[in-house]
Amino acid sequence: DTQREQPAPWMAQAERDSMLARARDVSEH
């Protein structure tokens, strides 16, 4: 939730989407 609400300004959108997808995968496991 913190990463969604306060994304890192230096992170590209594709990199951010990949990180969130990996985080959701960990949470789903």
mmCIF file of all heavy atoms, coordinates in Angstrom:
data_MODEL
# 
_entry.id   MODEL 
# 
loop_
_atom_site.group_PDB 
_atom_site.id 
_atom_site.type_symbol 
_atom_site.label_atom_id 
_atom_site.label_alt_id 
_atom_site.label_comp_id 
_atom_site.label_asym_id 
_atom_site.label_entity_id 
_atom_site.label_seq_id 
_atom_site.pdbx_PDB_ins_code 
_atom_site.Cartn_x 
_atom_site.Cartn_y 
_atom_site.Cartn_z 
_atom_site.occupancy 
_atom_site.B_iso_or_equiv 
_atom_site.pdbx_formal_charge 
_atom_site.auth_seq_id 
_atom_site.auth_comp_id 
_atom_site.auth_asym_id 
_atom_site.auth_atom_id 
_atom_site.pdbx_PDB_model_num 
ATOM 1   N N   . ASP A 1 1  ? 0.830  -1.211  0.000   1.00 0.00 ? 1  ASP A N   1 
ATOM 2   C CA  . ASP A 1 1  ? 0.000  0.000   0.000   1.00 0.00 ? 1  ASP A CA  1 
ATOM 3   C C   . ASP A 1 1  ? 0.862  1.258   0.000   1.00 0.00 ? 1  ASP A C   1 
ATOM 4   O O   . ASP A 1 1  ? 0.537  2.247   -0.682  1.00 0.00 ? 1  ASP A O   1 
ATOM 5   C CB  . ASP A 1 1  ? -0.923 -0.006  1.218   1.00 0.00 ? 1  ASP A CB  1 
ATOM 6   C CG  . ASP A 1 1  ? -1.972 -1.109  1.151   1.00 0.00 ? 1  ASP A CG  1 
ATOM 7   O OD1 . ASP A 1 1  ? -2.219 -1.620  0.034   1.00 0.00 ? 1  ASP A OD1 1 
ATOM 8   O OD2 . ASP A 1 1  ? -2.522 -1.482  2.211   1.00 0.00 ? 1  ASP A OD2 1 
ATOM 9   N N   . THR A 1 2  ? 1.962  1.233   0.739   1.00 0.00 ? 2  THR A N   1 
ATOM 10  C CA  . THR A 1 2  ? 2.852  2.392   0.763   1.00 0.00 ? 2  THR A CA  1 
ATOM 11  C C   . THR A 1 2  ? 3.475  2.631   -0.607  1.00 0.00 ? 2  THR A C   1 
ATOM 12  O O   . THR A 1 2  ? 3.591  3.780   -1.064  1.00 0.00 ? 2  THR A O   1 
ATOM 13  C CB  . THR A 1 2  ? 3.959  2.186   1.813   1.00 0.00 ? 2  THR A CB  1 
ATOM 14  O OG1 . THR A 1 2  ? 3.359  1.991   3.093   1.00 0.00 ? 2  THR A OG1 1 
ATOM 15  C CG2 . THR A 1 2  ? 4.878  3.391   1.875   1.00 0.00 ? 2  THR A CG2 1 
ATOM 16  N N   . GLN A 1 3  ? 3.871  1.563   -1.292  1.00 0.00 ? 3  GLN A N   1 
ATOM 17  C CA  . GLN A 1 3  ? 4.463  1.713   -2.618  1.00 0.00 ? 3  GLN A CA  1 
ATOM 18  C C   . GLN A 1 3  ? 3.451  2.239   -3.626  1.00 0.00 ? 3  GLN A C   1 
ATOM 19  O O   . GLN A 1 3  ? 3.816  2.978   -4.552  1.00 0.00 ? 3  GLN A O   1 
ATOM 20  C CB  . GLN A 1 3  ? 5.035  0.378   -3.098  1.00 0.00 ? 3  GLN A CB  1 
ATOM 21  C CG  . GLN A 1 3  ? 6.153  -0.168  -2.226  1.00 0.00 ? 3  GLN A CG  1 
ATOM 22  C CD  . GLN A 1 3  ? 7.313  0.788   -2.105  1.00 0.00 ? 3  GLN A CD  1 
ATOM 23  O OE1 . GLN A 1 3  ? 7.771  1.356   -3.108  1.00 0.00 ? 3  GLN A OE1 1 
ATOM 24  N NE2 . GLN A 1 3  ? 7.794  0.996   -0.897  1.00 0.00 ? 3  GLN A NE2 1 
ATOM 25  N N   . ARG A 1 4  ? 2.202  1.870   -3.453  1.00 0.00 ? 4  ARG A N   1 
ATOM 26  C CA  . ARG A 1 4  ? 1.175  2.378   -4.366  1.00 0.00 ? 4  ARG A CA  1 
ATOM 27  C C   . ARG A 1 4  ? 0.878  3.850   -4.113  1.00 0.00 ? 4  ARG A C   1 
ATOM 28  O O   . ARG A 1 4  ? 0.693  4.629   -5.057  1.00 0.00 ? 4  ARG A O   1 
ATOM 29  C CB  . ARG A 1 4  ? -0.104 1.557   -4.200  1.00 0.00 ? 4  ARG A CB  1 
ATOM 30  C CG  . ARG A 1 4  ? -0.016 0.136   -4.743  1.00 0.00 ? 4  ARG A CG  1 
ATOM 31  C CD  . ARG A 1 4  ? -1.223 -0.665  -4.310  1.00 0.00 ? 4  ARG A CD  1 
ATOM 32  N NE  . ARG A 1 4  ? -1.218 -2.010  -4.886  1.00 0.00 ? 4  ARG A NE  1 
ATOM 33  C CZ  . ARG A 1 4  ? -2.043 -2.981  -4.498  1.00 0.00 ? 4  ARG A CZ  1 
ATOM 34  N NH1 . ARG A 1 4  ? -2.934 -2.749  -3.544  1.00 0.00 ? 4  ARG A NH1 1 
ATOM 35  N NH2 . ARG A 1 4  ? -1.966 -4.175  -5.059  1.00 0.00 ? 4  ARG A NH2 1 
ATOM 36  N N   . GLU A 1 5  ? 0.821  4.211   -2.837  1.00 0.00 ? 5  GLU A N   1 
ATOM 37  C CA  . GLU A 1 5  ? 0.469  5.593   -2.500  1.00 0.00 ? 5  GLU A CA  1 
ATOM 38  C C   . GLU A 1 5  ? 1.643  6.550   -2.657  1.00 0.00 ? 5  GLU A C   1 
ATOM 39  O O   . GLU A 1 5  ? 1.443  7.715   -3.009  1.00 0.00 ? 5  GLU A O   1 
ATOM 40  C CB  . GLU A 1 5  ? -0.043 5.649   -1.059  1.00 0.00 ? 5  GLU A CB  1 
ATOM 41  C CG  . GLU A 1 5  ? -1.327 4.853   -0.839  1.00 0.00 ? 5  GLU A CG  1 
ATOM 42  C CD  . GLU A 1 5  ? -1.693 4.764   0.621   1.00 0.00 ? 5  GLU A CD  1 
ATOM 43  O OE1 . GLU A 1 5  ? -0.941 5.301   1.466   1.00 0.00 ? 5  GLU A OE1 1 
ATOM 44  O OE2 . GLU A 1 5  ? -2.736 4.139   0.932   1.00 0.00 ? 5  GLU A OE2 1 
ATOM 45  N N   . GLN A 1 6  ? 2.856  6.068   -2.405  1.00 0.00 ? 6  GLN A N   1 
ATOM 46  C CA  . GLN A 1 6  ? 4.037  6.922   -2.470  1.00 0.00 ? 6  GLN A CA  1 
ATOM 47  C C   . GLN A 1 6  ? 5.101  6.256   -3.335  1.00 0.00 ? 6  GLN A C   1 
ATOM 48  O O   . GLN A 1 6  ? 6.105  5.742   -2.831  1.00 0.00 ? 6  GLN A O   1 
ATOM 49  C CB  . GLN A 1 6  ? 4.579  7.193   -1.067  1.00 0.00 ? 6  GLN A CB  1 
ATOM 50  C CG  . GLN A 1 6  ? 3.585  7.855   -0.144  1.00 0.00 ? 6  GLN A CG  1 
ATOM 51  C CD  . GLN A 1 6  ? 4.121  8.018   1.268   1.00 0.00 ? 6  GLN A CD  1 
ATOM 52  O OE1 . GLN A 1 6  ? 5.243  7.647   1.572   1.00 0.00 ? 6  GLN A OE1 1 
ATOM 53  N NE2 . GLN A 1 6  ? 3.297  8.577   2.139   1.00 0.00 ? 6  GLN A NE2 1 
ATOM 54  N N   . PRO A 1 7  ? 4.903  6.232   -4.655  1.00 0.00 ? 7  PRO A N   1 
ATOM 55  C CA  . PRO A 1 7  ? 5.891  5.581   -5.525  1.00 0.00 ? 7  PRO A CA  1 
ATOM 56  C C   . PRO A 1 7  ? 7.197  6.370   -5.552  1.00 0.00 ? 7  PRO A C   1 
ATOM 57  O O   . PRO A 1 7  ? 7.218  7.599   -5.369  1.00 0.00 ? 7  PRO A O   1 
ATOM 58  C CB  . PRO A 1 7  ? 5.202  5.579   -6.888  1.00 0.00 ? 7  PRO A CB  1 
ATOM 59  C CG  . PRO A 1 7  ? 4.243  6.727   -6.835  1.00 0.00 ? 7  PRO A CG  1 
ATOM 60  C CD  . PRO A 1 7  ? 3.783  6.815   -5.408  1.00 0.00 ? 7  PRO A CD  1 
ATOM 61  N N   . ALA A 1 8  ? 8.299  5.655   -5.765  1.00 0.00 ? 8  ALA A N   1 
ATOM 62  C CA  . ALA A 1 8  ? 9.602  6.304   -5.860  1.00 0.00 ? 8  ALA A CA  1 
ATOM 63  C C   . ALA A 1 8  ? 9.649  7.164   -7.118  1.00 0.00 ? 8  ALA A C   1 
ATOM 64  O O   . ALA A 1 8  ? 9.337  6.687   -8.217  1.00 0.00 ? 8  ALA A O   1 
ATOM 65  C CB  . ALA A 1 8  ? 10.706 5.251   -5.893  1.00 0.00 ? 8  ALA A CB  1 
ATOM 66  N N   . PRO A 1 9  ? 10.034 8.445   -7.007  1.00 0.00 ? 9  PRO A N   1 
ATOM 67  C CA  . PRO A 1 9  ? 10.015 9.327   -8.188  1.00 0.00 ? 9  PRO A CA  1 
ATOM 68  C C   . PRO A 1 9  ? 11.024 8.932   -9.255  1.00 0.00 ? 9  PRO A C   1 
ATOM 69  O O   . PRO A 1 9  ? 10.820 9.224   -10.437 1.00 0.00 ? 9  PRO A O   1 
ATOM 70  C CB  . PRO A 1 9  ? 10.334 10.703  -7.583  1.00 0.00 ? 9  PRO A CB  1 
ATOM 71  C CG  . PRO A 1 9  ? 11.051 10.404  -6.305  1.00 0.00 ? 9  PRO A CG  1 
ATOM 72  C CD  . PRO A 1 9  ? 10.467 9.131   -5.789  1.00 0.00 ? 9  PRO A CD  1 
ATOM 73  N N   . TRP A 1 10 ? 12.114 8.262   -8.856  1.00 0.00 ? 10 TRP A N   1 
ATOM 74  C CA  . TRP A 1 10 ? 13.147 7.914   -9.830  1.00 0.00 ? 10 TRP A CA  1 
ATOM 75  C C   . TRP A 1 10 ? 12.829 6.632   -10.577 1.00 0.00 ? 10 TRP A C   1 
ATOM 76  O O   . TRP A 1 10 ? 13.483 6.312   -11.577 1.00 0.00 ? 10 TRP A O   1 
ATOM 77  C CB  . TRP A 1 10 ? 14.498 7.737   -9.128  1.00 0.00 ? 10 TRP A CB  1 
ATOM 78  C CG  . TRP A 1 10 ? 14.444 6.730   -8.003  1.00 0.00 ? 10 TRP A CG  1 
ATOM 79  C CD1 . TRP A 1 10 ? 14.179 6.978   -6.696  1.00 0.00 ? 10 TRP A CD1 1 
ATOM 80  C CD2 . TRP A 1 10 ? 14.638 5.320   -8.119  1.00 0.00 ? 10 TRP A CD2 1 
ATOM 81  N NE1 . TRP A 1 10 ? 14.194 5.816   -5.968  1.00 0.00 ? 10 TRP A NE1 1 
ATOM 82  C CE2 . TRP A 1 10 ? 14.473 4.776   -6.816  1.00 0.00 ? 10 TRP A CE2 1 
ATOM 83  C CE3 . TRP A 1 10 ? 14.935 4.468   -9.173  1.00 0.00 ? 10 TRP A CE3 1 
ATOM 84  C CZ2 . TRP A 1 10 ? 14.596 3.428   -6.560  1.00 0.00 ? 10 TRP A CZ2 1 
ATOM 85  C CZ3 . TRP A 1 10 ? 15.058 3.121   -8.917  1.00 0.00 ? 10 TRP A CZ3 1 
ATOM 86  C CH2 . TRP A 1 10 ? 14.885 2.609   -7.626  1.00 0.00 ? 10 TRP A CH2 1 
ATOM 87  N N   . MET A 1 11 ? 11.813 5.893   -10.153 1.00 0.00 ? 11 MET A N   1 
ATOM 88  C CA  . MET A 1 11 ? 11.519 4.580   -10.733 1.00 0.00 ? 11 MET A CA  1 
ATOM 89  C C   . MET A 1 11 ? 10.623 4.730   -11.955 1.00 0.00 ? 11 MET A C   1 
ATOM 90  O O   . MET A 1 11 ? 9.616  5.446   -11.923 1.00 0.00 ? 11 MET A O   1 
ATOM 91  C CB  . MET A 1 11 ? 10.833 3.692   -9.691  1.00 0.00 ? 11 MET A CB  1 
ATOM 92  C CG  . MET A 1 11 ? 10.649 2.239   -10.127 1.00 0.00 ? 11 MET A CG  1 
ATOM 93  S SD  . MET A 1 11 ? 9.880  1.239   -8.827  1.00 0.00 ? 11 MET A SD  1 
ATOM 94  C CE  . MET A 1 11 ? 11.162 1.311   -7.564  1.00 0.00 ? 11 MET A CE  1 
ATOM 95  N N   . ALA A 1 12 ? 11.011 4.067   -13.041 1.00 0.00 ? 12 ALA A N   1 
ATOM 96  C CA  . ALA A 1 12 ? 10.207 4.085   -14.255 1.00 0.00 ? 12 ALA A CA  1 
ATOM 97  C C   . ALA A 1 12 ? 8.905  3.319   -14.042 1.00 0.00 ? 12 ALA A C   1 
ATOM 98  O O   . ALA A 1 12 ? 8.807  2.457   -13.163 1.00 0.00 ? 12 ALA A O   1 
ATOM 99  C CB  . ALA A 1 12 ? 10.998 3.491   -15.419 1.00 0.00 ? 12 ALA A CB  1 
ATOM 100 N N   . GLN A 1 13 ? 7.905  3.629   -14.863 1.00 0.00 ? 13 GLN A N   1 
ATOM 101 C CA  . GLN A 1 13 ? 6.598  3.003   -14.696 1.00 0.00 ? 13 GLN A CA  1 
ATOM 102 C C   . GLN A 1 13 ? 6.665  1.500   -14.925 1.00 0.00 ? 13 GLN A C   1 
ATOM 103 O O   . GLN A 1 13 ? 6.063  0.722   -14.175 1.00 0.00 ? 13 GLN A O   1 
ATOM 104 C CB  . GLN A 1 13 ? 5.600  3.635   -15.673 1.00 0.00 ? 13 GLN A CB  1 
ATOM 105 C CG  . GLN A 1 13 ? 4.176  3.127   -15.527 1.00 0.00 ? 13 GLN A CG  1 
ATOM 106 C CD  . GLN A 1 13 ? 3.574  3.464   -14.178 1.00 0.00 ? 13 GLN A CD  1 
ATOM 107 O OE1 . GLN A 1 13 ? 3.840  4.539   -13.630 1.00 0.00 ? 13 GLN A OE1 1 
ATOM 108 N NE2 . GLN A 1 13 ? 2.769  2.567   -13.627 1.00 0.00 ? 13 GLN A NE2 1 
ATOM 109 N N   . ALA A 1 14 ? 7.413  1.063   -15.923 1.00 0.00 ? 14 ALA A N   1 
ATOM 110 C CA  . ALA A 1 14 ? 7.528  -0.374  -16.186 1.00 0.00 ? 14 ALA A CA  1 
ATOM 111 C C   . ALA A 1 14 ? 8.218  -1.081  -15.016 1.00 0.00 ? 14 ALA A C   1 
ATOM 112 O O   . ALA A 1 14 ? 7.805  -2.171  -14.603 1.00 0.00 ? 14 ALA A O   1 
ATOM 113 C CB  . ALA A 1 14 ? 8.298  -0.612  -17.484 1.00 0.00 ? 14 ALA A CB  1 
ATOM 114 N N   . GLU A 1 15 ? 9.247  -0.475  -14.464 1.00 0.00 ? 15 GLU A N   1 
ATOM 115 C CA  . GLU A 1 15 ? 9.942  -1.058  -13.319 1.00 0.00 ? 15 GLU A CA  1 
ATOM 116 C C   . GLU A 1 15 ? 9.039  -1.102  -12.101 1.00 0.00 ? 15 GLU A C   1 
ATOM 117 O O   . GLU A 1 15 ? 9.041  -2.079  -11.337 1.00 0.00 ? 15 GLU A O   1 
ATOM 118 C CB  . GLU A 1 15 ? 11.200 -0.249  -13.028 1.00 0.00 ? 15 GLU A CB  1 
ATOM 119 C CG  . GLU A 1 15 ? 12.050 -0.812  -11.908 1.00 0.00 ? 15 GLU A CG  1 
ATOM 120 C CD  . GLU A 1 15 ? 13.291 0.030   -11.672 1.00 0.00 ? 15 GLU A CD  1 
ATOM 121 O OE1 . GLU A 1 15 ? 13.560 0.934   -12.492 1.00 0.00 ? 15 GLU A OE1 1 
ATOM 122 O OE2 . GLU A 1 15 ? 13.987 -0.210  -10.660 1.00 0.00 ? 15 GLU A OE2 1 
ATOM 123 N N   . ARG A 1 16 ? 8.267  -0.036  -11.924 1.00 0.00 ? 16 ARG A N   1 
ATOM 124 C CA  . ARG A 1 16 ? 7.343  0.009   -10.779 1.00 0.00 ? 16 ARG A CA  1 
ATOM 125 C C   . ARG A 1 16 ? 6.256  -1.055  -10.926 1.00 0.00 ? 16 ARG A C   1 
ATOM 126 O O   . ARG A 1 16 ? 5.915  -1.737  -9.950  1.00 0.00 ? 16 ARG A O   1 
ATOM 127 C CB  . ARG A 1 16 ? 6.718  1.397   -10.685 1.00 0.00 ? 16 ARG A CB  1 
ATOM 128 C CG  . ARG A 1 16 ? 5.694  1.559   -9.573  1.00 0.00 ? 16 ARG A CG  1 
ATOM 129 C CD  . ARG A 1 16 ? 5.290  3.009   -9.421  1.00 0.00 ? 16 ARG A CD  1 
ATOM 130 N NE  . ARG A 1 16 ? 4.217  3.152   -8.457  1.00 0.00 ? 16 ARG A NE  1 
ATOM 131 C CZ  . ARG A 1 16 ? 2.923  3.162   -8.772  1.00 0.00 ? 16 ARG A CZ  1 
ATOM 132 N NH1 . ARG A 1 16 ? 2.559  3.038   -10.046 1.00 0.00 ? 16 ARG A NH1 1 
ATOM 133 N NH2 . ARG A 1 16 ? 1.999  3.271   -7.848  1.00 0.00 ? 16 ARG A NH2 1 
ATOM 134 N N   . ASP A 1 17 ? 5.715  -1.227  -12.117 1.00 0.00 ? 17 ASP A N   1 
ATOM 135 C CA  . ASP A 1 17 ? 4.686  -2.251  -12.328 1.00 0.00 ? 17 ASP A CA  1 
ATOM 136 C C   . ASP A 1 17 ? 5.250  -3.652  -12.080 1.00 0.00 ? 17 ASP A C   1 
ATOM 137 O O   . ASP A 1 17 ? 4.575  -4.515  -11.502 1.00 0.00 ? 17 ASP A O   1 
ATOM 138 C CB  . ASP A 1 17 ? 4.132  -2.157  -13.750 1.00 0.00 ? 17 ASP A CB  1 
ATOM 139 C CG  . ASP A 1 17 ? 3.334  -0.877  -13.985 1.00 0.00 ? 17 ASP A CG  1 
ATOM 140 O OD1 . ASP A 1 17 ? 2.905  -0.266  -12.981 1.00 0.00 ? 17 ASP A OD1 1 
ATOM 141 O OD2 . ASP A 1 17 ? 3.158  -0.499  -15.155 1.00 0.00 ? 17 ASP A OD2 1 
ATOM 142 N N   . SER A 1 18 ? 6.483  -3.888  -12.519 1.00 0.00 ? 18 SER A N   1 
ATOM 143 C CA  . SER A 1 18 ? 7.110  -5.190  -12.280 1.00 0.00 ? 18 SER A CA  1 
ATOM 144 C C   . SER A 1 18 ? 7.303  -5.442  -10.790 1.00 0.00 ? 18 SER A C   1 
ATOM 145 O O   . SER A 1 18 ? 7.074  -6.561  -10.313 1.00 0.00 ? 18 SER A O   1 
ATOM 146 C CB  . SER A 1 18 ? 8.448  -5.251  -13.021 1.00 0.00 ? 18 SER A CB  1 
ATOM 147 O OG  . SER A 1 18 ? 9.121  -6.460  -12.746 1.00 0.00 ? 18 SER A OG  1 
ATOM 148 N N   . MET A 1 19 ? 7.714  -4.414  -10.060 1.00 0.00 ? 19 MET A N   1 
ATOM 149 C CA  . MET A 1 19 ? 7.924  -4.573  -8.622  1.00 0.00 ? 19 MET A CA  1 
ATOM 150 C C   . MET A 1 19 ? 6.603  -4.851  -7.909  1.00 0.00 ? 19 MET A C   1 
ATOM 151 O O   . MET A 1 19 ? 6.530  -5.723  -7.038  1.00 0.00 ? 19 MET A O   1 
ATOM 152 C CB  . MET A 1 19 ? 8.569  -3.307  -8.056  1.00 0.00 ? 19 MET A CB  1 
ATOM 153 C CG  . MET A 1 19 ? 8.855  -3.380  -6.556  1.00 0.00 ? 19 MET A CG  1 
ATOM 154 S SD  . MET A 1 19 ? 9.285  -1.776  -5.867  1.00 0.00 ? 19 MET A SD  1 
ATOM 155 C CE  . MET A 1 19 ? 7.721  -0.897  -6.066  1.00 0.00 ? 19 MET A CE  1 
ATOM 156 N N   . LEU A 1 20 ? 5.543  -4.124  -8.280  1.00 0.00 ? 20 LEU A N   1 
ATOM 157 C CA  . LEU A 1 20 ? 4.244  -4.351  -7.644  1.00 0.00 ? 20 LEU A CA  1 
ATOM 158 C C   . LEU A 1 20 ? 3.707  -5.742  -7.968  1.00 0.00 ? 20 LEU A C   1 
ATOM 159 O O   . LEU A 1 20 ? 3.100  -6.397  -7.108  1.00 0.00 ? 20 LEU A O   1 
ATOM 160 C CB  . LEU A 1 20 ? 3.252  -3.275  -8.097  1.00 0.00 ? 20 LEU A CB  1 
ATOM 161 C CG  . LEU A 1 20 ? 3.558  -1.846  -7.652  1.00 0.00 ? 20 LEU A CG  1 
ATOM 162 C CD1 . LEU A 1 20 ? 2.504  -0.885  -8.193  1.00 0.00 ? 20 LEU A CD1 1 
ATOM 163 C CD2 . LEU A 1 20 ? 3.614  -1.743  -6.136  1.00 0.00 ? 20 LEU A CD2 1 
ATOM 164 N N   . ALA A 1 21 ? 3.930  -6.199  -9.199  1.00 0.00 ? 21 ALA A N   1 
ATOM 165 C CA  . ALA A 1 21 ? 3.485  -7.548  -9.558  1.00 0.00 ? 21 ALA A CA  1 
ATOM 166 C C   . ALA A 1 21 ? 4.228  -8.598  -8.749  1.00 0.00 ? 21 ALA A C   1 
ATOM 167 O O   . ALA A 1 21 ? 3.632  -9.585  -8.285  1.00 0.00 ? 21 ALA A O   1 
ATOM 168 C CB  . ALA A 1 21 ? 3.697  -7.774  -11.057 1.00 0.00 ? 21 ALA A CB  1 
ATOM 169 N N   . ARG A 1 22 ? 5.525  -8.399  -8.543  1.00 0.00 ? 22 ARG A N   1 
ATOM 170 C CA  . ARG A 1 22 ? 6.289  -9.351  -7.732  1.00 0.00 ? 22 ARG A CA  1 
ATOM 171 C C   . ARG A 1 22 ? 5.819  -9.324  -6.284  1.00 0.00 ? 22 ARG A C   1 
ATOM 172 O O   . ARG A 1 22 ? 5.740  -10.370 -5.622  1.00 0.00 ? 22 ARG A O   1 
ATOM 173 C CB  . ARG A 1 22 ? 7.776  -9.025  -7.824  1.00 0.00 ? 22 ARG A CB  1 
ATOM 174 C CG  . ARG A 1 22 ? 8.680  -10.089 -7.212  1.00 0.00 ? 22 ARG A CG  1 
ATOM 175 C CD  . ARG A 1 22 ? 10.137 -9.686  -7.342  1.00 0.00 ? 22 ARG A CD  1 
ATOM 176 N NE  . ARG A 1 22 ? 10.563 -9.645  -8.726  1.00 0.00 ? 22 ARG A NE  1 
ATOM 177 C CZ  . ARG A 1 22 ? 11.015 -10.692 -9.393  1.00 0.00 ? 22 ARG A CZ  1 
ATOM 178 N NH1 . ARG A 1 22 ? 11.104 -11.874 -8.777  1.00 0.00 ? 22 ARG A NH1 1 
ATOM 179 N NH2 . ARG A 1 22 ? 11.396 -10.598 -10.649 1.00 0.00 ? 22 ARG A NH2 1 
ATOM 180 N N   . ALA A 1 23 ? 5.496  -8.131  -5.777  1.00 0.00 ? 23 ALA A N   1 
ATOM 181 C CA  . ALA A 1 23 ? 5.008  -8.012  -4.402  1.00 0.00 ? 23 ALA A CA  1 
ATOM 182 C C   . ALA A 1 23 ? 3.653  -8.700  -4.249  1.00 0.00 ? 23 ALA A C   1 
ATOM 183 O O   . ALA A 1 23 ? 3.394  -9.378  -3.242  1.00 0.00 ? 23 ALA A O   1 
ATOM 184 C CB  . ALA A 1 23 ? 4.917  -6.547  -3.996  1.00 0.00 ? 23 ALA A CB  1 
ATOM 185 N N   . ARG A 1 24 ? 2.786  -8.526  -5.229  1.00 0.00 ? 24 ARG A N   1 
ATOM 186 C CA  . ARG A 1 24 ? 1.481  -9.208  -5.165  1.00 0.00 ? 24 ARG A CA  1 
ATOM 187 C C   . ARG A 1 24 ? 1.653  -10.720 -5.226  1.00 0.00 ? 24 ARG A C   1 
ATOM 188 O O   . ARG A 1 24 ? 0.896  -11.466 -4.599  1.00 0.00 ? 24 ARG A O   1 
ATOM 189 C CB  . ARG A 1 24 ? 0.583  -8.714  -6.297  1.00 0.00 ? 24 ARG A CB  1 
ATOM 190 C CG  . ARG A 1 24 ? 0.053  -7.296  -6.107  1.00 0.00 ? 24 ARG A CG  1 
ATOM 191 C CD  . ARG A 1 24 ? -1.054 -6.994  -7.112  1.00 0.00 ? 24 ARG A CD  1 
ATOM 192 N NE  . ARG A 1 24 ? -0.558 -7.037  -8.481  1.00 0.00 ? 24 ARG A NE  1 
ATOM 193 C CZ  . ARG A 1 24 ? -0.099 -5.981  -9.145  1.00 0.00 ? 24 ARG A CZ  1 
ATOM 194 N NH1 . ARG A 1 24 ? -0.057 -4.795  -8.550  1.00 0.00 ? 24 ARG A NH1 1 
ATOM 195 N NH2 . ARG A 1 24 ? 0.308  -6.082  -10.395 1.00 0.00 ? 24 ARG A NH2 1 
ATOM 196 N N   . ASP A 1 25 ? 2.642  -11.179 -5.987  1.00 0.00 ? 25 ASP A N   1 
ATOM 197 C CA  . ASP A 1 25 ? 2.906  -12.616 -6.075  1.00 0.00 ? 25 ASP A CA  1 
ATOM 198 C C   . ASP A 1 25 ? 3.359  -13.157 -4.722  1.00 0.00 ? 25 ASP A C   1 
ATOM 199 O O   . ASP A 1 25 ? 2.922  -14.232 -4.299  1.00 0.00 ? 25 ASP A O   1 
ATOM 200 C CB  . ASP A 1 25 ? 3.970  -12.874 -7.141  1.00 0.00 ? 25 ASP A CB  1 
ATOM 201 C CG  . ASP A 1 25 ? 4.226  -14.363 -7.340  1.00 0.00 ? 25 ASP A CG  1 
ATOM 202 O OD1 . ASP A 1 25 ? 3.316  -15.064 -7.798  1.00 0.00 ? 25 ASP A OD1 1 
ATOM 203 O OD2 . ASP A 1 25 ? 5.340  -14.818 -7.019  1.00 0.00 ? 25 ASP A OD2 1 
ATOM 204 N N   . VAL A 1 26 ? 4.235  -12.426 -4.035  1.00 0.00 ? 26 VAL A N   1 
ATOM 205 C CA  . VAL A 1 26 ? 4.673  -12.842 -2.705  1.00 0.00 ? 26 VAL A CA  1 
ATOM 206 C C   . VAL A 1 26 ? 3.487  -12.885 -1.744  1.00 0.00 ? 26 VAL A C   1 
ATOM 207 O O   . VAL A 1 26 ? 3.312  -13.847 -0.979  1.00 0.00 ? 26 VAL A O   1 
ATOM 208 C CB  . VAL A 1 26 ? 5.768  -11.894 -2.175  1.00 0.00 ? 26 VAL A CB  1 
ATOM 209 C CG1 . VAL A 1 26 ? 6.102  -12.219 -0.721  1.00 0.00 ? 26 VAL A CG1 1 
ATOM 210 C CG2 . VAL A 1 26 ? 7.021  -11.997 -3.028  1.00 0.00 ? 26 VAL A CG2 1 
ATOM 211 N N   . SER A 1 27 ? 2.657  -11.840 -1.790  1.00 0.00 ? 27 SER A N   1 
ATOM 212 C CA  . SER A 1 27 ? 1.488  -11.799 -0.899  1.00 0.00 ? 27 SER A CA  1 
ATOM 213 C C   . SER A 1 27 ? 0.524  -12.936 -1.214  1.00 0.00 ? 27 SER A C   1 
ATOM 214 O O   . SER A 1 27 ? -0.051 -13.549 -0.297  1.00 0.00 ? 27 SER A O   1 
ATOM 215 C CB  . SER A 1 27 ? 0.790  -10.451 -1.048  1.00 0.00 ? 27 SER A CB  1 
ATOM 216 O OG  . SER A 1 27 ? -0.338 -10.371 -0.211  1.00 0.00 ? 27 SER A OG  1 
ATOM 217 N N   . GLU A 1 28 ? 0.363  -13.257 -2.504  1.00 0.00 ? 28 GLU A N   1 
ATOM 218 C CA  . GLU A 1 28 ? -0.544 -14.347 -2.877  1.00 0.00 ? 28 GLU A CA  1 
ATOM 219 C C   . GLU A 1 28 ? -0.019 -15.687 -2.387  1.00 0.00 ? 28 GLU A C   1 
ATOM 220 O O   . GLU A 1 28 ? -0.791 -16.550 -1.933  1.00 0.00 ? 28 GLU A O   1 
ATOM 221 C CB  . GLU A 1 28 ? -0.705 -14.345 -4.397  1.00 0.00 ? 28 GLU A CB  1 
ATOM 222 C CG  . GLU A 1 28 ? -1.797 -15.292 -4.908  1.00 0.00 ? 28 GLU A CG  1 
ATOM 223 C CD  . GLU A 1 28 ? -1.251 -16.667 -5.263  1.00 0.00 ? 28 GLU A CD  1 
ATOM 224 O OE1 . GLU A 1 28 ? -0.027 -16.755 -5.509  1.00 0.00 ? 28 GLU A OE1 1 
ATOM 225 O OE2 . GLU A 1 28 ? -2.023 -17.635 -5.274  1.00 0.00 ? 28 GLU A OE2 1 
ATOM 226 N N   . HIS A 1 29 ? 1.295  -15.891 -2.424  1.00 0.00 ? 29 HIS A N   1 
ATOM 227 C CA  . HIS A 1 29 ? 1.879  -17.128 -1.910  1.00 0.00 ? 29 HIS A CA  1 
ATOM 228 C C   . HIS A 1 29 ? 1.661  -17.245 -0.402  1.00 0.00 ? 29 HIS A C   1 
ATOM 229 O O   . HIS A 1 29 ? 1.370  -18.335 0.113   1.00 0.00 ? 29 HIS A O   1 
ATOM 230 C CB  . HIS A 1 29 ? 3.368  -17.175 -2.230  1.00 0.00 ? 29 HIS A CB  1 
ATOM 231 C CG  . HIS A 1 29 ? 3.652  -17.461 -3.673  1.00 0.00 ? 29 HIS A CG  1 
ATOM 232 N ND1 . HIS A 1 29 ? 4.925  -17.574 -4.182  1.00 0.00 ? 29 HIS A ND1 1 
ATOM 233 C CD2 . HIS A 1 29 ? 2.812  -17.656 -4.725  1.00 0.00 ? 29 HIS A CD2 1 
ATOM 234 C CE1 . HIS A 1 29 ? 4.867  -17.841 -5.477  1.00 0.00 ? 29 HIS A CE1 1 
ATOM 235 N NE2 . HIS A 1 29 ? 3.591  -17.890 -5.831  1.00 0.00 ? 29 HIS A NE2 1 
# 
